[in-house]
C-alpha atoms as a PDB file:
ATOM      1  CA  MET A   1      20.417 -11.944   5.502  1.00  0.00           C
ATOM      2  CA  LYS A   2      17.619 -11.703   2.948  1.00  0.00           C
ATOM      3  CA  THR A   3      14.438 -13.670   3.478  1.00  0.00           C
ATOM      4  CA  LYS A   4      13.321 -15.502   0.361  1.00  0.00           C
ATOM      5  CA  LEU A   5       9.887 -16.759  -0.557  1.00  0.00           C
ATOM      6  CA  LYS A   6       9.795 -20.488  -0.973  1.00  0.00           C
ATOM      7  CA  SER A   7       8.124 -21.820  -4.098  1.00  0.00           C
ATOM      8  CA  LYS A   8       5.938 -24.097  -2.005  1.00  0.00           C
ATOM      9  CA  ALA A   9       4.489 -21.022  -0.239  1.00  0.00           C
ATOM     10  CA  ILE A  10       1.898 -20.562  -2.975  1.00  0.00           C
ATOM     11  CA  PRO A  11      -0.722 -23.075  -4.157  1.00  0.00           C
ATOM     12  CA  ASP A  12      -0.634 -24.844  -7.499  1.00  0.00           C
ATOM     13  CA  GLY A  13      -1.894 -22.617 -10.296  1.00  0.00           C
ATOM     14  CA  TRP A  14      -0.723 -19.416  -8.604  1.00  0.00           C
ATOM     15  CA  ARG A  15       2.271 -17.454  -9.893  1.00  0.00           C
ATOM     16  CA  ARG A  16       4.566 -14.788  -8.482  1.00  0.00           C
ATOM     17  CA  VAL A  17       5.008 -11.508 -10.318  1.00  0.00           C
ATOM     18  CA  LEU A  18       6.891  -8.326  -9.508  1.00  0.00           C
ATOM     19  CA  LEU A  19       4.657  -5.597  -8.112  1.00  0.00           C
ATOM     20  CA  ASN A  20       5.985  -3.075 -10.661  1.00  0.00           C
ATOM     21  CA  THR A  21       4.575  -5.205 -13.509  1.00  0.00           C
ATOM     22  CA  LEU A  22       1.082  -4.628 -12.084  1.00  0.00           C
ATOM     23  CA  THR A  23       1.344  -0.852 -11.660  1.00  0.00           C
ATOM     24  CA  LYS A  24       1.201   2.362 -13.620  1.00  0.00           C
ATOM     25  CA  LYS A  25       2.512   4.390 -10.664  1.00  0.00           C
ATOM     26  CA  ILE A  26       4.706   3.794  -7.649  1.00  0.00           C
ATOM     27  CA  GLY A  27       5.638   7.127  -6.100  1.00  0.00           C
ATOM     28  CA  SER A  28       5.422   9.095  -2.888  1.00  0.00           C
ATOM     29  CA  GLY A  29       4.034  12.446  -1.995  1.00  0.00           C
ATOM     30  CA  ASN A  30       5.460  15.749  -0.824  1.00  0.00           C
ATOM     31  CA  THR A  31       5.422  17.931   2.196  1.00  0.00           C
ATOM     32  CA  PRO A  32       4.060  21.286   1.113  1.00  0.00           C
ATOM     33  CA  LEU A  33       6.296  24.333   1.425  1.00  0.00           C
ATOM     34  CA  GLY A  34       5.756  25.570   4.963  1.00  0.00           C
ATOM     35  CA  GLY A  35       5.139  22.090   6.399  1.00  0.00           C
ATOM     36  CA  SER A  36       2.532  21.803   9.100  1.00  0.00           C
ATOM     37  CA  GLN A  37       2.115  25.596   9.144  1.00  0.00           C
ATOM     38  CA  VAL A  38       0.005  25.327   5.962  1.00  0.00           C
ATOM     39  CA  TYR A  39      -2.348  22.624   7.279  1.00  0.00           C
ATOM     40  CA  GLN A  40      -5.984  23.655   7.496  1.00  0.00           C
ATOM     41  CA  LYS A  41      -9.168  22.479   9.233  1.00  0.00           C
ATOM     42  CA  SER A  42     -10.888  21.840   5.886  1.00  0.00           C
ATOM     43  CA  GLY A  43     -10.026  21.577   2.214  1.00  0.00           C
ATOM     44  CA  ILE A  44      -8.269  18.667   0.489  1.00  0.00           C
ATOM     45  CA  LYS A  45      -7.455  15.667   2.705  1.00  0.00           C
ATOM     46  CA  PHE A  46      -3.701  15.414   3.284  1.00  0.00           C
ATOM     47  CA  LEU A  47      -2.829  11.866   4.288  1.00  0.00           C
ATOM     48  CA  ARG A  48       0.224  11.118   6.414  1.00  0.00           C
ATOM     49  CA  SER A  49       1.771   7.919   7.714  1.00  0.00           C
ATOM     50  CA  GLN A  50      -0.436   7.910  10.832  1.00  0.00           C
ATOM     51  CA  ASN A  51      -3.499   7.699   8.578  1.00  0.00           C
ATOM     52  CA  ILE A  52      -2.265   4.451   7.024  1.00  0.00           C
ATOM     53  CA  GLN A  53      -3.049   1.566   9.363  1.00  0.00           C
ATOM     54  CA  ASN A  54      -2.735  -2.191   8.992  1.00  0.00           C
ATOM     55  CA  GLY A  55      -4.916  -2.748   5.936  1.00  0.00           C
ATOM     56  CA  CYS A  56      -7.181   0.260   6.372  1.00  0.00           C
ATOM     57  CA  LEU A  57      -7.297   4.037   6.244  1.00  0.00           C
ATOM     58  CA  SER A  58      -7.857   6.017   9.454  1.00  0.00           C
ATOM     59  CA  LEU A  59      -9.204   9.534   9.145  1.00  0.00           C
ATOM     60  CA  ALA A  60      -9.166  10.154  12.919  1.00  0.00           C
ATOM     61  CA  ASP A  61      -6.149  12.490  12.711  1.00  0.00           C
ATOM     62  CA  VAL A  62      -6.462  13.665   9.110  1.00  0.00           C
ATOM     63  CA  THR A  63      -5.331  17.149   8.199  1.00  0.00           C
ATOM     64  CA  TYR A  64      -6.109  19.278   5.155  1.00  0.00           C
ATOM     65  CA  ILE A  65      -4.362  21.464   2.604  1.00  0.00           C
ATOM     66  CA  SER A  66      -5.749  24.214   0.406  1.00  0.00           C
ATOM     67  CA  HIS A  67      -6.914  23.667  -3.166  1.00  0.00           C
ATOM     68  CA  THR A  68      -3.999  25.839  -4.317  1.00  0.00           C
ATOM     69  CA  ILE A  69      -1.394  23.673  -2.558  1.00  0.00           C
ATOM     70  CA  ASP A  70      -3.108  20.547  -3.869  1.00  0.00           C
ATOM     71  CA  ALA A  71      -2.903  21.956  -7.409  1.00  0.00           C
ATOM     72  CA  ASP A  72       0.840  22.573  -6.907  1.00  0.00           C
ATOM     73  CA  MET A  73       1.162  18.939  -5.780  1.00  0.00           C
ATOM     74  CA  ALA A  74      -1.025  17.455  -8.540  1.00  0.00           C
ATOM     75  CA  SER A  75       1.419  14.613  -9.233  1.00  0.00           C
ATOM     76  CA  THR A  76       0.896  13.251  -5.709  1.00  0.00           C
ATOM     77  CA  ARG A  77      -2.891  13.204  -5.730  1.00  0.00           C
ATOM     78  CA  VAL A  78      -4.578  10.070  -4.516  1.00  0.00           C
ATOM     79  CA  TYR A  79      -7.429   8.498  -6.457  1.00  0.00           C
ATOM     80  CA  THR A  80     -10.049   5.886  -5.605  1.00  0.00           C
ATOM     81  CA  ASN A  81      -8.505   2.379  -5.493  1.00  0.00           C
ATOM     82  CA  ASP A  82      -4.951   3.614  -5.001  1.00  0.00           C
ATOM     83  CA  ILE A  83      -3.043   1.607  -2.423  1.00  0.00           C
ATOM     84  CA  LEU A  84      -1.175   3.740   0.107  1.00  0.00           C
ATOM     85  CA  TYR A  85       1.973   2.242   1.638  1.00  0.00           C
ATOM     86  CA  ASN A  86       4.202   3.677   4.364  1.00  0.00           C
ATOM     87  CA  ILE A  87       7.830   3.624   3.222  1.00  0.00           C
ATOM     88  CA  THR A  88       9.718   5.124   6.190  1.00  0.00           C
ATOM     89  CA  GLY A  89      10.023   5.003   9.955  1.00  0.00           C
ATOM     90  CA  ALA A  90       8.324   2.928  12.603  1.00  0.00           C
ATOM     91  CA  SER A  91       5.144   2.538  10.520  1.00  0.00           C
ATOM     92  CA  ILE A  92       6.968   1.184   7.460  1.00  0.00           C
ATOM     93  CA  GLY A  93       4.982  -1.509   5.698  1.00  0.00           C
ATOM     94  CA  ARG A  94       1.496  -0.411   6.699  1.00  0.00           C
ATOM     95  CA  ALA A  95      -0.875  -0.403   3.726  1.00  0.00           C
ATOM     96  CA  ALA A  96      -4.375   0.922   3.108  1.00  0.00           C
ATOM     97  CA  LEU A  97      -6.736   1.009   0.164  1.00  0.00           C
ATOM     98  CA  TYR A  98      -8.076   4.487  -0.628  1.00  0.00           C
ATOM     99  CA  SER A  99     -11.729   3.745  -1.356  1.00  0.00           C
ATOM    100  CA  LEU A 100     -13.124   7.257  -0.963  1.00  0.00           C
ATOM    101  CA  GLU A 101     -14.363   9.305  -3.917  1.00  0.00           C
ATOM    102  CA  GLU A 102     -12.993  12.527  -2.410  1.00  0.00           C
ATOM    103  CA  GLN A 103      -9.795  14.102  -3.650  1.00  0.00           C
ATOM    104  CA  ALA A 104      -6.745  13.634  -1.409  1.00  0.00           C
ATOM    105  CA  ASN A 105      -2.982  14.067  -1.402  1.00  0.00           C
ATOM    106  CA  VAL A 106      -0.117  12.414   0.525  1.00  0.00           C
ATOM    107  CA  ASN A 107       3.168  13.359   2.150  1.00  0.00           C
ATOM    108  CA  GLN A 108       6.632  11.980   1.367  1.00  0.00           C
ATOM    109  CA  HIS A 109       6.377   9.092   3.852  1.00  0.00           C
ATOM    110  CA  VAL A 110       3.447   7.551   1.984  1.00  0.00           C
ATOM    111  CA  CYS A 111       3.836   5.817  -1.356  1.00  0.00           C
ATOM    112  CA  ILE A 112       1.025   5.662  -3.907  1.00  0.00           C
ATOM    113  CA  ILE A 113       0.632   2.323  -5.693  1.00  0.00           C
ATOM    114  CA  ARG A 114      -1.703   2.660  -8.659  1.00  0.00           C
ATOM    115  CA  LEU A 115      -2.482  -0.600 -10.417  1.00  0.00           C
ATOM    116  CA  THR A 116      -3.035  -1.031 -14.139  1.00  0.00           C
ATOM    117  CA  LYS A 117      -5.846  -3.566 -13.867  1.00  0.00           C
ATOM    118  CA  ASP A 118      -5.455  -6.032 -10.993  1.00  0.00           C
ATOM    119  CA  ASP A 119      -7.774  -5.954  -8.018  1.00  0.00           C
ATOM    120  CA  PRO A 120      -6.497  -3.384  -5.476  1.00  0.00           C
ATOM    121  CA  LYS A 121      -8.244  -5.158  -2.572  1.00  0.00           C
ATOM    122  CA  PHE A 122      -6.251  -8.292  -3.298  1.00  0.00           C
ATOM    123  CA  ILE A 123      -2.912  -6.463  -3.574  1.00  0.00           C
ATOM    124  CA  ASN A 124      -3.659  -4.423  -0.417  1.00  0.00           C
ATOM    125  CA  TYR A 125      -4.474  -7.663   1.407  1.00  0.00           C
ATOM    126  CA  PHE A 126      -1.139  -9.116   0.322  1.00  0.00           C
ATOM    127  CA  LEU A 127       0.836  -5.992   1.337  1.00  0.00           C
ATOM    128  CA  SER A 128      -0.873  -5.985   4.764  1.00  0.00           C
ATOM    129  CA  SER A 129      -0.215  -9.686   5.356  1.00  0.00           C
ATOM    130  CA  PRO A 130       2.719 -11.481   7.005  1.00  0.00           C
ATOM    131  CA  LEU A 131       3.846 -12.567   3.530  1.00  0.00           C
ATOM    132  CA  GLY A 132       3.908  -8.899   2.436  1.00  0.00           C
ATOM    133  CA  ALA A 133       5.882  -8.065   5.587  1.00  0.00           C
ATOM    134  CA  LYS A 134       8.338 -10.820   4.696  1.00  0.00           C
ATOM    135  CA  GLU A 135       8.957  -9.089   1.351  1.00  0.00           C
ATOM    136  CA  LEU A 136       9.465  -5.750   3.117  1.00  0.00           C
ATOM    137  CA  TYR A 137      11.898  -7.101   5.683  1.00  0.00           C
ATOM    138  CA  SER A 138      14.004  -8.761   3.005  1.00  0.00           C
ATOM    139  CA  PHE A 139      15.173  -5.192   2.209  1.00  0.00           C
ATOM    140  CA  GLN A 140      15.731  -4.093   5.817  1.00  0.00           C
ATOM    141  CA  ALA A 141      18.954  -5.977   6.588  1.00  0.00           C
ATOM    142  CA  GLY A 142      21.686  -3.740   8.007  1.00  0.00           C
ATOM    143  CA  GLY A 143      21.603  -0.010   8.566  1.00  0.00           C
ATOM    144  CA  ASN A 144      19.780   1.819  11.307  1.00  0.00           C
ATOM    145  CA  ARG A 145      17.104   3.736   9.408  1.00  0.00           C
ATOM    146  CA  GLU A 146      13.967   1.992   8.253  1.00  0.00           C
ATOM    147  CA  GLY A 147      13.167   2.960   4.704  1.00  0.00           C
ATOM    148  CA  LEU A 148      12.132   1.548   1.369  1.00  0.00           C
ATOM    149  CA  ASN A 149      12.679   3.034  -2.069  1.00  0.00           C
ATOM    150  CA  PHE A 150      10.389   2.716  -5.081  1.00  0.00           C
ATOM    151  CA  GLN A 151      12.619   0.180  -6.827  1.00  0.00           C
ATOM    152  CA  GLN A 152      12.581  -2.081  -3.781  1.00  0.00           C
ATOM    153  CA  LEU A 153       8.808  -1.810  -3.426  1.00  0.00           C
ATOM    154  CA  GLY A 154       8.357  -2.515  -7.136  1.00  0.00           C
ATOM    155  CA  SER A 155      10.434  -5.670  -6.796  1.00  0.00           C
ATOM    156  CA  PHE A 156       8.101  -7.242  -4.198  1.00  0.00           C
ATOM    157  CA  LYS A 157       7.049 -10.692  -5.419  1.00  0.00           C
ATOM    158  CA  VAL A 158       3.255 -10.806  -5.348  1.00  0.00           C
ATOM    159  CA  PRO A 159       1.564 -14.225  -5.376  1.00  0.00           C
ATOM    160  CA  LEU A 160      -1.380 -14.211  -7.771  1.00  0.00           C
ATOM    161  CA  PRO A 161      -4.076 -16.836  -8.168  1.00  0.00           C
ATOM    162  CA  PRO A 162      -5.653 -17.332 -11.586  1.00  0.00           C
ATOM    163  CA  PRO A 163      -7.508 -14.093 -12.523  1.00  0.00           C
ATOM    164  CA  PRO A 164     -11.143 -15.186 -12.079  1.00  0.00           C
ATOM    165  CA  SER A 165     -10.631 -16.001  -8.400  1.00  0.00           C
ATOM    166  CA  ARG A 166      -8.748 -12.861  -7.286  1.00  0.00           C
ATOM    167  CA  ARG A 167     -11.724 -10.652  -6.590  1.00  0.00           C
ATOM    168  CA  THR A 168     -13.679 -13.134  -4.476  1.00  0.00           C
ATOM    169  CA  LYS A 169     -10.564 -14.133  -2.551  1.00  0.00           C
ATOM    170  CA  ALA A 170      -9.732 -10.521  -1.761  1.00  0.00           C
ATOM    171  CA  ASP A 171     -13.250  -9.897  -0.502  1.00  0.00           C
ATOM    172  CA  CYS A 172     -12.679 -12.735   1.999  1.00  0.00           C
ATOM    173  CA  GLY A 173     -15.954 -14.391   1.082  1.00  0.00           C
ATOM    174  CA  GLY A 174     -14.691 -17.970   1.227  1.00  0.00           C
ATOM    175  CA  ALA A 175     -11.075 -16.829   0.934  1.00  0.00           C
ATOM    176  CA  GLY A 176      -9.769 -20.359   1.014  1.00  0.00           C
ATOM    177  CA  ASP A 177      -6.123 -20.121  -0.003  1.00  0.00           C
ATOM    178  CA  LEU A 178      -5.524 -16.484   0.953  1.00  0.00           C
ATOM    179  CA  GLY A 179      -5.229 -16.964   4.694  1.00  0.00           C
ATOM    180  CA  SER A 180      -2.860 -19.895   4.400  1.00  0.00           C
ATOM    181  CA  VAL A 181      -0.792 -18.324   1.636  1.00  0.00           C
ATOM    182  CA  PHE A 182      -0.538 -14.898   3.240  1.00  0.00           C
ATOM    183  CA  GLY A 183      -0.048 -16.332   6.717  1.00  0.00           C
ATOM    184  CA  GLU A 184      -3.226 -15.306   8.484  1.00  0.00           C
ATOM    185  CA  ALA A 185      -6.849 -16.285   8.736  1.00  0.00           C
ATOM    186  CA  CYS A 186      -9.313 -14.306   6.650  1.00  0.00           C
ATOM    187  CA  GLU A 187     -12.447 -13.707   8.669  1.00  0.00           C
ATOM    188  CA  GLU A 188     -15.816 -13.266   7.068  1.00  0.00           C
ATOM    189  CA  ASP A 189     -17.819 -10.166   8.061  1.00  0.00           C
END
């Protein structure tokens, strides 16, 4: 049975839009030819599903690929403000904002969400929230393998407040509606 968002779940003045209308890229990475045999101790960061945690990026177990392999996988490079989203396995649905300036790349279990203009912190907060999980699990009915394709991810309904308030709400400085809309409290630092 599919879970549906109720209209009353978002405050007055907010609207729901499809994630793919906010993006210029939704796509996953690759595993380089040779798999883990080509990983290095330095070079270009190669992010895998274990690096994507609930709302943040963990570099504790990061591995690296060579500049040559990265060049061969140029279409799966990660850039500052990309949102990384796990699309397979037990870690499906974990999201992280890539805020580093360093070049990186991702494997096939991690999807890159590159926005056209909206605030990536806000969208990452939504994807990491219980409301984002509700969107994910609406596609997980039946079957025995957890997975999400790009079309399904692009069809997530993202609640958006009026544009001027998105940035401050995503920074959690007086988040107000975010915690109640996304189903969790937003704590100030």
